[in-house]
Amino acid sequence: MGMPFSGLMNRKNQLSKIMKLRGEQKKLAQQTISYQDGDIEIEVSGDFKIKKLVVNGQEEKRLQKALNEALKRAQKVVAKQSQALLGELLGM
């Protein structure tokens, strides 16, 4: 037999909250945060991507690419673990 109506409404509310959160994440991703310390300049987007990395006046594209790849891999691991935890919390 199917899920009771109240259960469906709870799922709908949860989905609505998740969709709202994703919208907020997209807004945050568009922000840029800048940091400078002496001869080092860094610009990072709200989704943790390094947009600019300058050391001693030289743009360091190779280092920027390597750091972004490392961050991307770390985010995937964290997302996978968070998803499993969220599934447990929601009883999925």
C-alpha atoms as a PDB file:
ATOM      1  CA  MET A   1       0.000   0.000   0.000  1.00  0.00           C
ATOM      2  CA  GLY A   2       1.127   3.568  -0.657  1.00  0.00           C
ATOM      3  CA  MET A   3       2.431   6.166   1.716  1.00  0.00           C
ATOM      4  CA  PRO A   4      -0.192   8.015   3.816  1.00  0.00           C
ATOM      5  CA  PHE A   5      -1.091  11.529   2.682  1.00  0.00           C
ATOM      6  CA  SER A   6       0.737  13.142   5.624  1.00  0.00           C
ATOM      7  CA  GLY A   7       3.887  11.234   4.665  1.00  0.00           C
ATOM      8  CA  LEU A   8       3.640  12.527   1.105  1.00  0.00           C
ATOM      9  CA  MET A   9       3.221  16.076   2.374  1.00  0.00           C
ATOM     10  CA  ASN A  10       6.303  15.712   4.581  1.00  0.00           C
ATOM     11  CA  ARG A  11       8.330  14.503   1.605  1.00  0.00           C
ATOM     12  CA  LYS A  12       7.008  17.399  -0.484  1.00  0.00           C
ATOM     13  CA  ASN A  13       8.008  19.879   2.234  1.00  0.00           C
ATOM     14  CA  GLN A  14      11.464  18.317   2.489  1.00  0.00           C
ATOM     15  CA  LEU A  15      11.906  18.528  -1.277  1.00  0.00           C
ATOM     16  CA  SER A  16      10.794  22.154  -1.237  1.00  0.00           C
ATOM     17  CA  LYS A  17      13.380  22.975   1.433  1.00  0.00           C
ATOM     18  CA  ILE A  18      16.111  21.193  -0.535  1.00  0.00           C
ATOM     19  CA  MET A  19      15.213  23.125  -3.695  1.00  0.00           C
ATOM     20  CA  LYS A  20      15.298  26.413  -1.759  1.00  0.00           C
ATOM     21  CA  LEU A  21      18.700  25.495  -0.335  1.00  0.00           C
ATOM     22  CA  ARG A  22      20.040  24.742  -3.824  1.00  0.00           C
ATOM     23  CA  GLY A  23      18.853  28.166  -4.989  1.00  0.00           C
ATOM     24  CA  GLU A  24      20.686  29.801  -2.105  1.00  0.00           C
ATOM     25  CA  GLN A  25      23.815  27.786  -2.905  1.00  0.00           C
ATOM     26  CA  LYS A  26      23.739  29.096  -6.483  1.00  0.00           C
ATOM     27  CA  LYS A  27      23.551  32.670  -5.188  1.00  0.00           C
ATOM     28  CA  LEU A  28      26.490  32.057  -2.879  1.00  0.00           C
ATOM     29  CA  ALA A  29      28.507  30.502  -5.707  1.00  0.00           C
ATOM     30  CA  GLN A  30      28.277  33.779  -7.630  1.00  0.00           C
ATOM     31  CA  GLN A  31      29.971  35.739  -4.855  1.00  0.00           C
ATOM     32  CA  THR A  32      33.700  36.382  -4.986  1.00  0.00           C
ATOM     33  CA  ILE A  33      35.851  36.672  -1.898  1.00  0.00           C
ATOM     34  CA  SER A  34      39.258  38.307  -2.214  1.00  0.00           C
ATOM     35  CA  TYR A  35      42.229  37.934   0.106  1.00  0.00           C
ATOM     36  CA  GLN A  36      45.650  39.498  -0.028  1.00  0.00           C
ATOM     37  CA  ASP A  37      48.672  38.864   2.167  1.00  0.00           C
ATOM     38  CA  GLY A  38      51.790  40.640   1.052  1.00  0.00           C
ATOM     39  CA  ASP A  39      52.637  39.473  -2.450  1.00  0.00           C
ATOM     40  CA  ILE A  40      49.904  36.830  -2.560  1.00  0.00           C
ATOM     41  CA  GLU A  41      46.442  37.587  -3.983  1.00  0.00           C
ATOM     42  CA  ILE A  42      43.597  35.093  -4.086  1.00  0.00           C
ATOM     43  CA  GLU A  43      40.036  35.313  -5.369  1.00  0.00           C
ATOM     44  CA  VAL A  44      37.682  32.494  -4.442  1.00  0.00           C
ATOM     45  CA  SER A  45      34.060  32.049  -5.499  1.00  0.00           C
ATOM     46  CA  GLY A  46      31.329  31.149  -3.043  1.00  0.00           C
ATOM     47  CA  ASP A  47      31.425  27.579  -4.321  1.00  0.00           C
ATOM     48  CA  PHE A  48      35.088  27.345  -3.245  1.00  0.00           C
ATOM     49  CA  LYS A  49      36.670  27.615  -6.688  1.00  0.00           C
ATOM     50  CA  ILE A  50      39.872  29.598  -6.927  1.00  0.00           C
ATOM     51  CA  LYS A  51      39.253  32.176  -9.620  1.00  0.00           C
ATOM     52  CA  LYS A  52      42.581  33.977  -9.397  1.00  0.00           C
ATOM     53  CA  LEU A  53      45.895  33.196  -7.728  1.00  0.00           C
ATOM     54  CA  VAL A  54      48.755  35.675  -7.975  1.00  0.00           C
ATOM     55  CA  VAL A  55      52.133  35.237  -6.275  1.00  0.00           C
ATOM     56  CA  ASN A  56      54.858  37.881  -6.600  1.00  0.00           C
ATOM     57  CA  GLY A  57      52.861  39.584  -9.376  1.00  0.00           C
ATOM     58  CA  GLN A  58      52.678  36.356 -11.437  1.00  0.00           C
ATOM     59  CA  GLU A  59      49.364  34.643 -12.079  1.00  0.00           C
ATOM     60  CA  GLU A  60      49.838  30.999 -11.087  1.00  0.00           C
ATOM     61  CA  LYS A  61      47.418  29.155 -13.406  1.00  0.00           C
ATOM     62  CA  ARG A  62      49.002  25.724 -12.910  1.00  0.00           C
ATOM     63  CA  LEU A  63      48.875  25.968  -9.110  1.00  0.00           C
ATOM     64  CA  GLN A  64      45.345  27.379  -9.334  1.00  0.00           C
ATOM     65  CA  LYS A  65      44.263  24.405 -11.457  1.00  0.00           C
ATOM     66  CA  ALA A  66      45.871  21.899  -9.065  1.00  0.00           C
ATOM     67  CA  LEU A  67      44.283  23.494  -6.011  1.00  0.00           C
ATOM     68  CA  ASN A  68      40.857  23.582  -7.688  1.00  0.00           C
ATOM     69  CA  GLU A  69      41.139  19.903  -8.574  1.00  0.00           C
ATOM     70  CA  ALA A  70      42.112  18.993  -5.013  1.00  0.00           C
ATOM     71  CA  LEU A  71      39.199  21.027  -3.639  1.00  0.00           C
ATOM     72  CA  LYS A  72      36.814  19.411  -6.137  1.00  0.00           C
ATOM     73  CA  ARG A  73      37.890  15.930  -5.037  1.00  0.00           C
ATOM     74  CA  ALA A  74      37.552  16.849  -1.371  1.00  0.00           C
ATOM     75  CA  GLN A  75      34.064  18.257  -1.990  1.00  0.00           C
ATOM     76  CA  LYS A  76      33.001  15.022  -3.703  1.00  0.00           C
ATOM     77  CA  VAL A  77      34.133  12.944  -0.724  1.00  0.00           C
ATOM     78  CA  VAL A  78      32.386  15.262   1.737  1.00  0.00           C
ATOM     79  CA  ALA A  79      29.208  15.352  -0.387  1.00  0.00           C
ATOM     80  CA  LYS A  80      29.068  11.567  -0.594  1.00  0.00           C
ATOM     81  CA  GLN A  81      29.498  11.190   3.161  1.00  0.00           C
ATOM     82  CA  SER A  82      26.999  13.987   3.866  1.00  0.00           C
ATOM     83  CA  GLN A  83      24.454  12.408   1.540  1.00  0.00           C
ATOM     84  CA  ALA A  84      24.750   9.082   3.355  1.00  0.00           C
ATOM     85  CA  LEU A  85      24.336  10.824   6.708  1.00  0.00           C
ATOM     86  CA  LEU A  86      21.350  12.819   5.466  1.00  0.00           C
ATOM     87  CA  GLY A  87      19.783   9.611   4.156  1.00  0.00           C
ATOM     88  CA  GLU A  88      20.143   8.038   7.583  1.00  0.00           C
ATOM     89  CA  LEU A  89      18.646  11.090   9.297  1.00  0.00           C
ATOM     90  CA  LEU A  90      15.667  11.139   6.944  1.00  0.00           C
ATOM     91  CA  GLY A  91      15.229   7.376   7.177  1.00  0.00           C
ATOM     92  CA  MET A  92      15.850   6.774   3.484  1.00  0.00           C
END
